[in-house]
């Protein structure tokens, strides 16, 4: 396409130059060989605005299965006097034109529509295609569910009738426009980056290059109200330090002295949910820091946080549950087999079964394979400061953390799930992410 070859002076100019057609299909089933379209919704986006909409109910000339009727609310009576697909296909193709096709699940909508075109002995669509579902997974890597309902909820997009074609197409269009705002703020310059927005456009992180300078780092940190992790990289991507920051904007002055000691190539800033998430990240990656640099990280944390030791912390708790960074998600850490990998991110209440299985497996492994002995994997260099900071977080923000014992998990009534439900209800959208992002 010409847009790929042309050089643009700004992200805004690039994004304004693109035309999109957002499409959503409702069908009698998932197989394009045997099933039929019952509704199609289309939204045109030009100059970063929704400029036109089109919607058709379509007579499938076959019964609509009960589950589809319940899902969509579309019944036989609603479509029996509607046009057949061959009667509206010209209008559909004309509306799409040469725009970039967008859907929240392009692997379904576009092949299904092309299947219809083949049956009608018409040329299939050769437009460029963007999937906002895949885009979401690139931009929010830890998200557990990227369905359109959930994305509309966390980005405050009005979506009144899920599984109705024009409502879904409109919500998808609004999500794309939200992402375009983000692309502009992150200075997108190439059309290809829209299709594969990775390694630069993740919403929970920012990467500052040497040429951007330390003032850019301070500018970002001064806007962050919640915990984050600062990772300094030297030549060839070698990690020189990892710092979990409890209150980034309040630590800028200290960091102005600290960061000047490094010869760095990149500084990564990554948002956390709770501060302990930053501690876990540090523990998982501390071994990657060259020995000559490790003391710098420890000295900074000890100078910033003068805390009493907490050597018995791991004996006092078996599990800790806390809100995850992403709205609607939570994270549970296991102290029975404590390692960077003994944790689970889950949605509540939809992942109740998955959560209970994880906790039960941890308890079973502890009792059988470990013979009732906890395994604690914390890097020796940071063990004392890790435990002290962890303990301090539990004490100072008790509303954020739910601690559990193995006996809670073995309780047949599963009363611990009520406690997690209370935590979820009291900590709704704690970090306002991804609405607020880097």
Protein backbone atom coordinates (compact mmCIF):
# COMPACT_ATOMS: atom_id res chain seq x y z
CA UNK A 1 0.00 0.00 0.00
CA UNK A 2 1.10 3.58 -0.61
CA UNK A 3 0.80 4.38 3.07
CA UNK A 4 3.68 1.99 3.85
CA UNK A 5 6.03 3.65 1.40
CA UNK A 6 5.29 7.27 2.22
CA UNK A 7 7.36 9.01 4.90
CA UNK A 8 5.25 10.91 7.42
CA UNK A 9 6.36 13.86 9.52
CA UNK A 10 4.42 12.72 12.58
CA UNK A 11 2.43 9.87 14.07
CA UNK A 12 -0.68 12.00 13.91
CA UNK A 13 -0.26 12.54 10.16
CA UNK A 14 0.28 8.82 9.56
CA UNK A 15 -2.78 7.76 11.55
CA UNK A 16 -5.03 10.41 9.98
CA UNK A 17 -4.05 9.16 6.51
CA UNK A 18 -5.40 5.64 7.10
CA UNK A 19 -8.91 4.40 6.31
CA UNK A 20 -10.42 1.49 8.21
CA UNK A 21 -13.55 -0.60 7.88
CA UNK A 22 -14.45 -2.42 11.08
CA UNK A 23 -16.57 -5.51 10.47
CA UNK A 24 -18.47 -7.97 12.65
CA UNK A 25 -20.53 -11.01 11.61
CA UNK A 26 -23.19 -12.96 13.42
CA UNK A 27 -23.68 -16.41 11.92
CA UNK A 28 -25.59 -19.66 12.40
CA UNK A 29 -22.34 -21.38 13.39
CA UNK A 30 -18.57 -21.39 13.06
CA UNK A 31 -18.02 -23.38 9.87
CA UNK A 32 -18.13 -21.13 6.77
CA UNK A 33 -18.63 -24.21 4.56
CA UNK A 34 -21.99 -25.10 6.12
CA UNK A 35 -23.16 -22.07 8.12
CA UNK A 36 -24.65 -18.74 7.07
CA UNK A 37 -24.46 -15.05 7.96
CA UNK A 38 -27.49 -13.71 9.82
CA UNK A 39 -26.21 -10.20 10.54
CA UNK A 40 -23.35 -7.98 9.45
CA UNK A 41 -22.28 -4.69 10.99
CA UNK A 42 -19.70 -2.32 9.51
CA UNK A 43 -18.15 0.91 10.74
CA UNK A 44 -15.99 3.20 8.63
CA UNK A 45 -13.15 5.15 10.27
CA UNK A 46 -11.52 8.04 8.43
CA UNK A 47 -9.32 10.82 9.78
CA UNK A 48 -9.45 9.01 13.18
CA UNK A 49 -13.23 9.35 13.43
CA UNK A 50 -16.18 7.06 12.87
CA UNK A 51 -17.75 8.57 9.76
CA UNK A 52 -20.34 6.02 8.64
CA UNK A 53 -22.09 2.84 9.77
CA UNK A 54 -23.97 0.12 7.93
CA UNK A 55 -25.88 -2.86 9.25
CA UNK A 56 -27.81 -5.70 7.59
CA UNK A 57 -29.95 -8.50 8.91
CA UNK A 58 -29.58 -11.40 6.46
CA UNK A 59 -31.95 -14.28 5.74
CA UNK A 60 -29.80 -17.45 6.10
CA UNK A 61 -32.44 -19.68 4.47
CA UNK A 62 -31.91 -22.17 7.29
CA UNK A 63 -32.80 -22.55 10.95
CA UNK A 64 -30.94 -20.53 13.55
CA UNK A 65 -29.71 -22.85 16.35
CA UNK A 66 -31.06 -22.22 19.84
CA UNK A 67 -27.66 -21.32 21.27
CA UNK A 68 -27.16 -18.67 18.55
CA UNK A 69 -30.62 -17.25 19.26
CA UNK A 70 -29.80 -17.00 22.96
CA UNK A 71 -26.38 -15.49 22.25
CA UNK A 72 -27.50 -12.88 19.72
CA UNK A 73 -31.20 -12.45 20.41
CA UNK A 74 -31.79 -12.92 16.65
CA UNK A 75 -34.67 -15.26 15.84
CA UNK A 76 -36.13 -16.69 12.65
CA UNK A 77 -38.91 -14.09 12.65
CA UNK A 78 -36.32 -11.31 12.70
CA UNK A 79 -34.66 -12.42 9.46
CA UNK A 80 -37.28 -14.26 7.42
CA UNK A 81 -38.19 -11.10 5.49
CA UNK A 82 -34.59 -9.83 5.29
CA UNK A 83 -32.57 -9.91 2.05
CA UNK A 84 -30.40 -12.91 1.19
CA UNK A 85 -26.63 -12.38 1.28
CA UNK A 86 -26.33 -12.26 -2.52
CA UNK A 87 -28.79 -9.35 -2.54
CA UNK A 88 -26.62 -7.15 -0.31
CA UNK A 89 -23.09 -8.35 -1.10
CA UNK A 90 -22.45 -5.56 -3.63
CA UNK A 91 -23.32 -2.93 -1.05
CA UNK A 92 -21.08 -4.64 1.52
CA UNK A 93 -18.09 -4.77 -0.83
CA UNK A 94 -18.63 -1.20 -1.91
CA UNK A 95 -18.75 -0.01 1.70
CA UNK A 96 -15.48 -1.82 2.50
CA UNK A 97 -13.70 -0.40 -0.54
CA UNK A 98 -9.91 -0.32 -0.19
CA UNK A 99 -9.93 0.35 3.56
CA UNK A 100 -7.88 -1.67 6.05
CA UNK A 101 -10.22 -4.35 7.40
CA UNK A 102 -10.52 -4.51 11.20
CA UNK A 103 -12.26 -7.05 13.43
CA UNK A 104 -11.86 -8.23 16.99
CA UNK A 105 -11.37 -11.75 15.71
CA UNK A 106 -10.16 -11.56 12.12
CA UNK A 107 -9.46 -15.30 12.02
CA UNK A 108 -13.24 -15.80 12.06
CA UNK A 109 -14.90 -12.80 10.40
CA UNK A 110 -12.65 -12.34 7.36
CA UNK A 111 -12.36 -16.03 6.28
CA UNK A 112 -16.11 -16.43 6.80
CA UNK A 113 -16.88 -13.46 4.55
CA UNK A 114 -14.35 -14.66 1.97
CA UNK A 115 -16.01 -18.09 2.07
CA UNK A 116 -19.30 -16.45 1.17
CA UNK A 117 -17.65 -14.58 -1.71
CA UNK A 118 -16.18 -17.82 -3.06
CA UNK A 119 -19.59 -19.49 -2.99
CA UNK A 120 -20.98 -16.54 -4.90
CA UNK A 121 -18.08 -16.86 -7.36
CA UNK A 122 -16.89 -13.39 -6.44
CA UNK A 123 -13.26 -12.25 -5.89
CA UNK A 124 -12.17 -12.59 -2.27
CA UNK A 125 -11.04 -9.59 -0.26
CA UNK A 126 -7.37 -8.66 -0.56
CA UNK A 127 -7.46 -5.72 1.87
CA UNK A 128 -4.89 -5.42 4.63
CA UNK A 129 -6.26 -6.81 7.90
CA UNK A 130 -5.87 -5.76 11.55
CA UNK A 131 -7.13 -7.81 14.50
CA UNK A 132 -7.78 -5.75 17.65
CA UNK A 133 -7.80 -8.97 19.69
CA UNK A 134 -4.21 -9.79 18.68
CA UNK A 135 -3.30 -6.12 19.03
CA UNK A 136 -4.56 -6.23 22.62
CA UNK A 137 -2.43 -9.26 23.46
CA UNK A 138 0.68 -7.52 22.13
CA UNK A 139 -0.04 -4.29 23.99
CA UNK A 140 -1.16 -5.88 27.28
CA UNK A 141 0.89 -9.10 27.43
CA UNK A 142 -0.37 -10.30 30.84
CA UNK A 143 -4.06 -9.94 30.06
CA UNK A 144 -5.99 -13.12 30.82
CA UNK A 145 -9.03 -12.31 28.69
CA UNK A 146 -9.16 -10.01 25.69
CA UNK A 147 -12.79 -10.52 24.67
CA UNK A 148 -14.62 -7.44 23.44
CA UNK A 149 -16.89 -7.19 26.49
CA UNK A 150 -13.94 -7.07 28.87
CA UNK A 151 -11.96 -4.64 26.73
CA UNK A 152 -14.99 -2.34 26.52
CA UNK A 153 -15.30 -2.51 30.29
CA UNK A 154 -11.71 -1.62 31.11
CA UNK A 155 -11.48 1.14 28.49
CA UNK A 156 -14.91 2.60 29.39
CA UNK A 157 -16.33 1.94 25.90
CA UNK A 158 -20.12 1.89 25.63
CA UNK A 159 -21.14 -1.61 24.50
CA UNK A 160 -24.82 -2.15 25.19
CA UNK A 161 -25.61 -5.25 23.11
CA UNK A 162 -22.84 -7.80 22.87
CA UNK A 163 -23.14 -10.24 19.95
CA UNK A 164 -25.12 -7.84 17.82
CA UNK A 165 -23.09 -7.02 14.75
CA UNK A 166 -23.29 -3.23 14.62
CA UNK A 167 -22.78 -2.89 18.39
CA UNK A 168 -19.71 -5.15 18.27
CA UNK A 169 -18.34 -3.37 15.20
CA UNK A 170 -18.84 0.02 16.86
CA UNK A 171 -17.17 -1.12 20.10
CA UNK A 172 -14.26 -2.58 18.10
CA UNK A 173 -13.94 0.71 16.23
CA UNK A 174 -13.84 2.65 19.51
CA UNK A 175 -11.17 0.26 20.83
CA UNK A 176 -9.09 0.83 17.68
CA UNK A 177 -9.40 4.61 18.17
CA UNK A 178 -8.22 4.21 21.79
CA UNK A 179 -5.20 2.30 20.54
CA UNK A 180 -4.52 4.94 17.91
CA UNK A 181 -4.28 7.56 20.69
CA UNK A 182 -1.71 5.32 22.36
CA UNK A 183 0.21 4.77 19.13
CA UNK A 184 0.44 8.51 18.67
CA UNK A 185 1.71 9.03 22.22
CA UNK A 186 4.35 6.35 21.59
CA UNK A 187 5.33 7.98 18.29
CA UNK A 188 4.37 5.25 15.83
CA UNK A 189 5.90 5.95 12.41
CA UNK A 190 5.34 2.80 10.35
CA UNK A 191 2.12 1.22 9.17
CA UNK A 192 3.61 -2.22 9.83
CA UNK A 193 3.75 -1.44 13.55
CA UNK A 194 -0.03 -1.33 13.59
CA UNK A 195 -0.17 -4.99 12.57
CA UNK A 196 2.55 -6.14 14.99
CA UNK A 197 2.67 -3.66 17.91
CA UNK A 198 5.27 -5.43 20.03
CA UNK A 199 8.53 -4.58 21.81
CA UNK A 200 7.68 -0.88 21.85
CA UNK A 201 3.98 -0.36 22.42
CA UNK A 202 3.29 -2.45 25.56
CA UNK A 203 1.18 -0.29 27.83
CA UNK A 204 2.88 -1.32 31.08
CA UNK A 205 6.37 -0.23 30.06
CA UNK A 206 8.51 2.49 28.55
CA UNK A 207 12.00 2.19 27.08
CA UNK A 208 14.35 5.17 27.21
CA UNK A 209 17.37 5.14 24.91
CA UNK A 210 20.69 6.85 25.67
CA UNK A 211 19.97 9.60 23.17
CA UNK A 212 16.73 10.43 25.01
CA UNK A 213 18.75 11.25 28.13
CA UNK A 214 18.07 10.91 31.85
CA UNK A 215 15.64 13.87 31.90
CA UNK A 216 13.24 11.68 29.91
CA UNK A 217 13.48 8.99 32.60
CA UNK A 218 12.69 11.51 35.32
CA UNK A 219 9.81 12.94 33.29
CA UNK A 220 8.19 9.49 33.07
CA UNK A 221 8.79 8.59 36.73
CA UNK A 222 7.31 11.86 37.99
CA UNK A 223 3.97 10.86 36.44
CA UNK A 224 3.82 7.37 37.97
CA UNK A 225 1.75 7.13 41.15
CA UNK A 226 1.90 3.34 41.59
CA UNK A 227 4.89 1.00 42.02
CA UNK A 228 7.16 0.18 39.09
CA UNK A 229 10.46 -1.56 38.31
CA UNK A 230 13.46 0.27 36.90
CA UNK A 231 15.90 -1.86 34.88
CA UNK A 232 19.16 -0.35 33.65
CA UNK A 233 20.86 -2.03 30.70
CA UNK A 234 24.40 -1.50 29.48
CA UNK A 235 26.14 -2.58 26.30
CA UNK A 236 24.75 -5.67 24.55
CA UNK A 237 21.67 -5.61 26.77
CA UNK A 238 23.52 -6.58 29.97
CA UNK A 239 21.37 -5.80 33.02
CA UNK A 240 23.28 -3.47 35.35
CA UNK A 241 20.63 -3.00 38.03
CA UNK A 242 17.01 -3.75 38.89
CA UNK A 243 15.18 -1.47 41.31
CA UNK A 244 11.60 -1.97 42.51
CA UNK A 245 10.26 1.52 43.23
CA UNK A 246 7.41 1.88 45.72
CA UNK A 247 6.60 5.52 44.95
CA UNK A 248 8.44 6.48 41.74
CA UNK A 249 7.58 10.18 41.68
CA UNK A 250 8.91 10.54 45.25
CA UNK A 251 12.21 8.84 44.40
CA UNK A 252 13.22 10.98 41.45
CA UNK A 253 15.62 13.17 43.43
CA UNK A 254 17.43 10.13 44.84
CA UNK A 255 17.61 8.56 41.39
CA UNK A 256 19.16 11.69 39.90
CA UNK A 257 22.25 10.94 41.95
CA UNK A 258 22.09 7.17 41.56
CA UNK A 259 21.62 6.91 37.78
CA UNK A 260 24.54 9.16 36.89
CA UNK A 261 26.87 6.40 38.14
CA UNK A 262 25.95 4.14 35.21
CA UNK A 263 27.10 3.97 31.63
CA UNK A 264 23.80 2.83 30.19
CA UNK A 265 22.28 2.13 26.78
CA UNK A 266 18.64 1.64 27.79
CA UNK A 267 16.49 2.17 30.85
CA UNK A 268 13.29 0.13 31.08
CA UNK A 269 10.42 1.33 33.26
CA UNK A 270 7.71 -1.25 33.92
CA UNK A 271 4.56 -0.76 35.94
CA UNK A 272 3.71 -3.16 38.77
CA UNK A 273 0.53 -3.76 40.63
CA UNK A 274 1.58 -4.07 44.27
CA UNK A 275 5.15 -3.28 45.29
CA UNK A 276 5.77 -6.97 46.04
CA UNK A 277 5.35 -7.69 42.32
CA UNK A 278 8.46 -5.58 41.76
CA UNK A 279 10.27 -7.55 44.46
CA UNK A 280 9.41 -10.81 42.70
CA UNK A 281 10.65 -9.42 39.39
CA UNK A 282 13.92 -8.43 41.04
CA UNK A 283 14.31 -11.87 42.62
CA UNK A 284 13.62 -13.63 39.31
CA UNK A 285 16.19 -11.57 37.39
CA UNK A 286 18.82 -10.59 39.95
CA UNK A 287 21.11 -13.43 38.88
CA UNK A 288 21.41 -11.74 35.45
CA UNK A 289 23.17 -8.73 36.99
CA UNK A 290 26.99 -8.95 36.87
CA UNK A 291 28.41 -9.51 40.34
CA UNK A 292 30.26 -6.20 40.28
CA UNK A 293 26.95 -4.31 39.96
CA UNK A 294 24.71 -6.23 42.38
CA UNK A 295 25.80 -4.30 45.44
CA UNK A 296 24.64 -1.02 43.84
CA UNK A 297 21.03 -2.23 43.75
CA UNK A 298 21.15 -3.53 47.31
CA UNK A 299 22.77 -0.38 48.68
CA UNK A 300 20.13 1.83 47.06
CA UNK A 301 17.25 -0.21 48.54
CA UNK A 302 18.80 -0.38 52.01
CA UNK A 303 19.43 3.37 52.04
CA UNK A 304 15.90 4.11 50.83
CA UNK A 305 14.11 1.64 53.11
CA UNK A 306 15.54 1.34 56.62
CA UNK A 307 13.56 -1.62 57.92
CA UNK A 308 13.86 -4.31 60.62
CA UNK A 309 14.62 -7.85 59.43
CA UNK A 310 11.75 -10.30 58.89
CA UNK A 311 13.38 -13.74 58.87
CA UNK A 312 10.19 -15.63 59.82
CA UNK A 313 7.99 -14.15 57.10
CA UNK A 314 7.93 -17.33 55.03
CA UNK A 315 6.92 -19.42 58.05
CA UNK A 316 3.97 -17.18 58.88
CA UNK A 317 2.14 -17.45 55.54
CA UNK A 318 1.53 -20.14 52.92
CA UNK A 319 -0.10 -18.00 50.23
CA UNK A 320 -0.54 -14.29 49.51
CA UNK A 321 -3.30 -13.00 47.21
CA UNK A 322 -3.30 -9.43 45.89
CA UNK A 323 -4.75 -7.39 42.99
CA UNK A 324 -2.75 -7.68 39.79
CA UNK A 325 -1.83 -4.60 37.75
CA UNK A 326 -4.56 -5.27 35.17
CA UNK A 327 -8.07 -4.32 36.20
CA UNK A 328 -10.13 -7.38 37.15
CA UNK A 329 -7.12 -9.69 37.56
CA UNK A 330 -5.43 -10.98 40.72
CA UNK A 331 -2.22 -12.78 41.56
CA UNK A 332 -1.47 -15.46 44.14
CA UNK A 333 2.04 -16.25 45.38
CA UNK A 334 2.88 -19.59 46.96
CA UNK A 335 5.28 -19.70 49.92
CA UNK A 336 5.15 -23.50 50.07
CA UNK A 337 7.41 -23.82 47.05
CA UNK A 338 8.61 -20.25 46.76
CA UNK A 339 10.22 -19.40 43.43
CA UNK A 340 9.74 -16.86 40.64
CA UNK A 341 7.41 -19.38 39.00
CA UNK A 342 5.19 -20.45 41.94
CA UNK A 343 2.50 -17.89 41.24
CA UNK A 344 -0.73 -17.63 39.27
CA UNK A 345 -2.45 -14.69 37.62
CA UNK A 346 -6.21 -15.21 37.54
CA UNK A 347 -9.53 -13.46 36.98
CA UNK A 348 -12.09 -13.59 39.75
CA UNK A 349 -14.68 -15.07 39.90
CA UNK A 350 -14.37 -16.62 36.40
CA UNK A 351 -11.18 -18.52 37.29
CA UNK A 352 -12.32 -19.96 40.64
CA UNK A 353 -11.79 -23.54 39.50
CA UNK A 354 -8.35 -22.82 38.03
CA UNK A 355 -7.33 -20.99 41.21
CA UNK A 356 -8.45 -23.80 43.52
CA UNK A 357 -6.64 -26.37 41.38
CA UNK A 358 -3.40 -24.36 41.54
CA UNK A 359 -3.62 -23.95 45.33
CA UNK A 360 -4.55 -27.59 45.87
CA UNK A 361 -1.65 -28.78 43.72
CA UNK A 362 0.75 -26.58 45.68
CA UNK A 363 -0.51 -28.05 48.98
CA UNK A 364 -0.38 -31.64 47.65
CA UNK A 365 3.18 -31.17 46.39
CA UNK A 366 4.19 -29.63 49.73
CA UNK A 367 2.77 -32.55 51.71
CA UNK A 368 3.90 -35.41 49.47
CA UNK A 369 7.01 -34.50 47.49
CA UNK A 370 8.43 -31.95 49.95
CA UNK A 371 7.37 -33.88 53.08
CA UNK A 372 6.03 -30.73 54.73
CA UNK A 373 9.19 -28.69 54.20
CA UNK A 374 9.01 -25.34 52.43
CA UNK A 375 11.35 -24.64 49.54
CA UNK A 376 12.43 -21.02 49.41
CA UNK A 377 14.24 -19.72 46.33
CA UNK A 378 15.39 -16.18 47.03
CA UNK A 379 18.74 -14.91 45.76
CA UNK A 380 21.06 -14.90 48.79
CA UNK A 381 22.34 -11.38 48.10
CA UNK A 382 18.88 -9.87 48.36
CA UNK A 383 17.17 -12.25 50.80
CA UNK A 384 17.24 -9.92 53.82
CA UNK A 385 16.06 -6.81 51.98
CA UNK A 386 13.46 -8.86 50.06
CA UNK A 387 11.88 -10.24 53.25
CA UNK A 388 12.01 -6.88 55.03
CA UNK A 389 10.35 -5.02 52.17
CA UNK A 390 7.78 -7.76 51.68
CA UNK A 391 6.87 -7.75 55.38
CA UNK A 392 6.67 -3.95 55.43
CA UNK A 393 4.20 -4.03 52.51
CA UNK A 394 1.93 -6.52 54.28
CA UNK A 395 1.89 -4.36 57.42
CA UNK A 396 1.46 -0.94 55.82
CA UNK A 397 -1.15 -1.90 53.20
CA UNK A 398 -3.17 -4.73 54.77
CA UNK A 399 -6.17 -3.93 52.56
CA UNK A 400 -4.14 -5.01 49.51
CA UNK A 401 -3.09 -8.45 50.70
CA UNK A 402 -4.92 -11.60 51.73
CA UNK A 403 -2.77 -14.24 53.42
CA UNK A 404 -3.86 -17.88 53.52
CA UNK A 405 -2.73 -21.11 55.16
CA UNK A 406 -2.70 -24.55 53.56
CA UNK A 407 -5.52 -25.56 55.92
CA UNK A 408 -7.74 -22.88 54.32
CA UNK A 409 -7.35 -24.58 50.96
CA UNK A 410 -8.12 -28.04 52.37
CA UNK A 411 -11.30 -26.81 54.03
CA UNK A 412 -14.15 -28.56 52.20
CA UNK A 413 -16.34 -25.44 52.42
CA UNK A 414 -13.71 -23.42 50.54
CA UNK A 415 -14.46 -20.43 52.75
CA UNK A 416 -11.23 -18.80 51.53
CA UNK A 417 -12.99 -18.05 48.24
CA UNK A 418 -15.34 -15.72 50.11
CA UNK A 419 -12.30 -13.85 51.43
CA UNK A 420 -10.93 -13.48 47.91
CA UNK A 421 -14.33 -12.25 46.75
CA UNK A 422 -14.26 -9.61 49.49
CA UNK A 423 -10.75 -8.56 48.37
CA UNK A 424 -11.96 -8.31 44.78
CA UNK A 425 -14.98 -6.21 45.75
CA UNK A 426 -12.93 -3.84 47.90
CA UNK A 427 -10.11 -3.37 45.39
CA UNK A 428 -11.92 -2.80 42.10
CA UNK A 429 -9.62 -1.28 39.45
CA UNK A 430 -6.97 -0.51 42.05
CA UNK A 431 -4.31 0.63 39.58
CA UNK A 432 -6.62 1.93 36.82
CA UNK A 433 -4.59 0.00 34.25
CA UNK A 434 -4.71 -0.07 31.27
CA UNK A 435 -6.77 3.14 31.32
CA UNK A 436 -3.70 4.74 32.90
CA UNK A 437 -0.57 3.47 31.19
CA UNK A 438 2.95 4.34 30.11
